[in-house]
């Protein structure tokens, strides 16, 4: 099983190859301790300038490939920054989440 930083880096590289508006990823939930837990999904919010149906159809095969290659389960929520700020999960993610920039580097 890969570690969390490796999974985030792989996702970030894949998103950067396909999307020029990828901003970064927040990790929240059980994985904020930096570990991948066997019975828990890795919960992520990915931020983009534009979030639409066509982007979602491109995202899910990337997620599936990384899940299969790394034996993990990823629960990813794609958002624009504005859409994210208006979502119910925003406060929880801001309170406990860890941000990785678009290069997959942890901030803070």
C-alpha atoms as a PDB file:
ATOM      1  CA  UNK A   1       0.000   0.000   0.000  1.00  0.00           C
ATOM      2  CA  UNK A   2       1.341   3.434  -0.942  1.00  0.00           C
ATOM      3  CA  UNK A   3       1.614   6.234   1.562  1.00  0.00           C
ATOM      4  CA  UNK A   4      -0.650   9.271   1.513  1.00  0.00           C
ATOM      5  CA  UNK A   5       1.951  11.703   0.144  1.00  0.00           C
ATOM      6  CA  UNK A   6       2.657   9.340  -2.797  1.00  0.00           C
ATOM      7  CA  UNK A   7      -1.059   9.071  -3.629  1.00  0.00           C
ATOM      8  CA  UNK A   8      -1.491  12.875  -3.517  1.00  0.00           C
ATOM      9  CA  UNK A   9       1.602  13.362  -5.695  1.00  0.00           C
ATOM     10  CA  UNK A  10       0.312  10.871  -8.298  1.00  0.00           C
ATOM     11  CA  UNK A  11      -3.108  12.542  -8.369  1.00  0.00           C
ATOM     12  CA  UNK A  12      -1.554  16.004  -8.654  1.00  0.00           C
ATOM     13  CA  UNK A  13       0.713  14.954 -11.541  1.00  0.00           C
ATOM     14  CA  UNK A  14      -2.193  13.326 -13.390  1.00  0.00           C
ATOM     15  CA  UNK A  15      -4.492  16.325 -12.864  1.00  0.00           C
ATOM     16  CA  UNK A  16      -1.761  18.752 -13.994  1.00  0.00           C
ATOM     17  CA  UNK A  17      -1.254  16.761 -17.215  1.00  0.00           C
ATOM     18  CA  UNK A  18      -4.945  17.002 -18.130  1.00  0.00           C
ATOM     19  CA  UNK A  19      -6.213  20.206 -16.513  1.00  0.00           C
ATOM     20  CA  UNK A  20      -4.548  23.606 -16.667  1.00  0.00           C
ATOM     21  CA  UNK A  21      -6.812  24.968 -13.922  1.00  0.00           C
ATOM     22  CA  UNK A  22      -5.959  22.497 -11.114  1.00  0.00           C
ATOM     23  CA  UNK A  23      -5.233  24.396  -7.876  1.00  0.00           C
ATOM     24  CA  UNK A  24      -4.558  21.722  -5.266  1.00  0.00           C
ATOM     25  CA  UNK A  25      -6.029  19.100  -2.957  1.00  0.00           C
ATOM     26  CA  UNK A  26      -7.288  19.133   0.613  1.00  0.00           C
ATOM     27  CA  UNK A  27      -7.042  15.916   2.623  1.00  0.00           C
ATOM     28  CA  UNK A  28      -9.650  15.609   5.366  1.00  0.00           C
ATOM     29  CA  UNK A  29     -11.161  12.884   7.525  1.00  0.00           C
ATOM     30  CA  UNK A  30      -9.152   9.971   8.925  1.00  0.00           C
ATOM     31  CA  UNK A  31      -6.146  10.497   6.633  1.00  0.00           C
ATOM     32  CA  UNK A  32      -5.201  13.888   8.110  1.00  0.00           C
ATOM     33  CA  UNK A  33      -2.762  11.960  10.314  1.00  0.00           C
ATOM     34  CA  UNK A  34      -0.760  11.311   7.129  1.00  0.00           C
ATOM     35  CA  UNK A  35      -1.618   7.633   7.014  1.00  0.00           C
ATOM     36  CA  UNK A  36      -3.830   5.502   4.821  1.00  0.00           C
ATOM     37  CA  UNK A  37      -6.242   3.508   6.966  1.00  0.00           C
ATOM     38  CA  UNK A  38      -7.286   0.069   5.762  1.00  0.00           C
ATOM     39  CA  UNK A  39     -11.039   0.481   6.315  1.00  0.00           C
ATOM     40  CA  UNK A  40     -11.290   4.203   5.544  1.00  0.00           C
ATOM     41  CA  UNK A  41     -11.468   6.028   2.225  1.00  0.00           C
ATOM     42  CA  UNK A  42      -8.949   8.780   1.564  1.00  0.00           C
ATOM     43  CA  UNK A  43     -11.218  11.827   1.598  1.00  0.00           C
ATOM     44  CA  UNK A  44     -10.128  14.612  -0.734  1.00  0.00           C
ATOM     45  CA  UNK A  45     -11.353  17.920  -2.097  1.00  0.00           C
ATOM     46  CA  UNK A  46      -9.731  18.907  -5.410  1.00  0.00           C
ATOM     47  CA  UNK A  47      -9.918  22.573  -6.394  1.00  0.00           C
ATOM     48  CA  UNK A  48     -10.205  23.802  -9.979  1.00  0.00           C
ATOM     49  CA  UNK A  49     -11.047  27.126 -11.633  1.00  0.00           C
ATOM     50  CA  UNK A  50     -13.844  25.382 -13.540  1.00  0.00           C
ATOM     51  CA  UNK A  51     -15.809  22.355 -12.327  1.00  0.00           C
ATOM     52  CA  UNK A  52     -18.227  20.752 -14.760  1.00  0.00           C
ATOM     53  CA  UNK A  53     -19.553  17.416 -15.949  1.00  0.00           C
ATOM     54  CA  UNK A  54     -16.878  16.933 -18.620  1.00  0.00           C
ATOM     55  CA  UNK A  55     -14.158  17.383 -16.004  1.00  0.00           C
ATOM     56  CA  UNK A  56     -15.786  14.767 -13.777  1.00  0.00           C
ATOM     57  CA  UNK A  57     -15.794  12.228 -16.614  1.00  0.00           C
ATOM     58  CA  UNK A  58     -12.043  12.793 -16.980  1.00  0.00           C
ATOM     59  CA  UNK A  59     -11.365  12.636 -13.228  1.00  0.00           C
ATOM     60  CA  UNK A  60     -12.952   9.274 -12.403  1.00  0.00           C
ATOM     61  CA  UNK A  61     -10.706   7.089 -14.628  1.00  0.00           C
ATOM     62  CA  UNK A  62      -7.655   8.762 -13.033  1.00  0.00           C
ATOM     63  CA  UNK A  63      -9.015   7.998  -9.557  1.00  0.00           C
ATOM     64  CA  UNK A  64      -9.769   4.390 -10.534  1.00  0.00           C
ATOM     65  CA  UNK A  65      -6.271   3.826 -11.920  1.00  0.00           C
ATOM     66  CA  UNK A  66      -4.572   5.255  -8.819  1.00  0.00           C
ATOM     67  CA  UNK A  67      -6.877   3.267  -6.507  1.00  0.00           C
ATOM     68  CA  UNK A  68      -6.043   0.039  -8.342  1.00  0.00           C
ATOM     69  CA  UNK A  69      -2.292   0.661  -8.573  1.00  0.00           C
ATOM     70  CA  UNK A  70      -1.990   1.666  -4.900  1.00  0.00           C
ATOM     71  CA  UNK A  71      -4.645  -0.555  -3.287  1.00  0.00           C
ATOM     72  CA  UNK A  72      -6.522   2.407  -1.789  1.00  0.00           C
ATOM     73  CA  UNK A  73     -10.042   3.849  -1.882  1.00  0.00           C
ATOM     74  CA  UNK A  74     -10.341   7.525  -2.762  1.00  0.00           C
ATOM     75  CA  UNK A  75     -13.401   9.655  -2.126  1.00  0.00           C
ATOM     76  CA  UNK A  76     -12.772  12.818  -4.166  1.00  0.00           C
ATOM     77  CA  UNK A  77     -14.961  15.899  -4.350  1.00  0.00           C
ATOM     78  CA  UNK A  78     -14.091  18.286  -7.209  1.00  0.00           C
ATOM     79  CA  UNK A  79     -14.954  21.948  -6.588  1.00  0.00           C
ATOM     80  CA  UNK A  80     -14.253  25.469  -7.677  1.00  0.00           C
ATOM     81  CA  UNK A  81     -13.008  27.589  -4.776  1.00  0.00           C
ATOM     82  CA  UNK A  82     -16.309  29.480  -4.703  1.00  0.00           C
ATOM     83  CA  UNK A  83     -18.406  26.309  -4.877  1.00  0.00           C
ATOM     84  CA  UNK A  84     -16.350  24.780  -2.087  1.00  0.00           C
ATOM     85  CA  UNK A  85     -16.812  27.809   0.184  1.00  0.00           C
ATOM     86  CA  UNK A  86     -20.571  27.413  -0.200  1.00  0.00           C
ATOM     87  CA  UNK A  87     -20.582  23.688   0.549  1.00  0.00           C
ATOM     88  CA  UNK A  88     -21.536  22.087   3.882  1.00  0.00           C
ATOM     89  CA  UNK A  89     -18.167  20.328   4.211  1.00  0.00           C
ATOM     90  CA  UNK A  90     -16.120  23.556   3.880  1.00  0.00           C
ATOM     91  CA  UNK A  91     -15.879  24.293   7.617  1.00  0.00           C
ATOM     92  CA  UNK A  92     -14.820  20.744   8.520  1.00  0.00           C
ATOM     93  CA  UNK A  93     -12.152  20.697   5.818  1.00  0.00           C
ATOM     94  CA  UNK A  94     -10.838  24.154   6.765  1.00  0.00           C
ATOM     95  CA  UNK A  95     -10.707  23.186  10.432  1.00  0.00           C
ATOM     96  CA  UNK A  96      -8.915  19.862  10.110  1.00  0.00           C
ATOM     97  CA  UNK A  97      -7.844  19.498   6.484  1.00  0.00           C
ATOM     98  CA  UNK A  98      -4.324  19.558   5.080  1.00  0.00           C
ATOM     99  CA  UNK A  99      -3.689  21.398   1.808  1.00  0.00           C
ATOM    100  CA  UNK A 100      -1.358  20.131  -0.919  1.00  0.00           C
ATOM    101  CA  UNK A 101      -0.584  22.564  -3.740  1.00  0.00           C
ATOM    102  CA  UNK A 102      -0.952  21.677  -7.419  1.00  0.00           C
ATOM    103  CA  UNK A 103       2.532  20.115  -7.399  1.00  0.00           C
ATOM    104  CA  UNK A 104       1.500  17.725  -4.626  1.00  0.00           C
ATOM    105  CA  UNK A 105       3.511  19.540  -1.966  1.00  0.00           C
ATOM    106  CA  UNK A 106       2.116  19.912   1.533  1.00  0.00           C
ATOM    107  CA  UNK A 107       1.613  23.504   2.663  1.00  0.00           C
ATOM    108  CA  UNK A 108       2.181  24.500   6.247  1.00  0.00           C
END
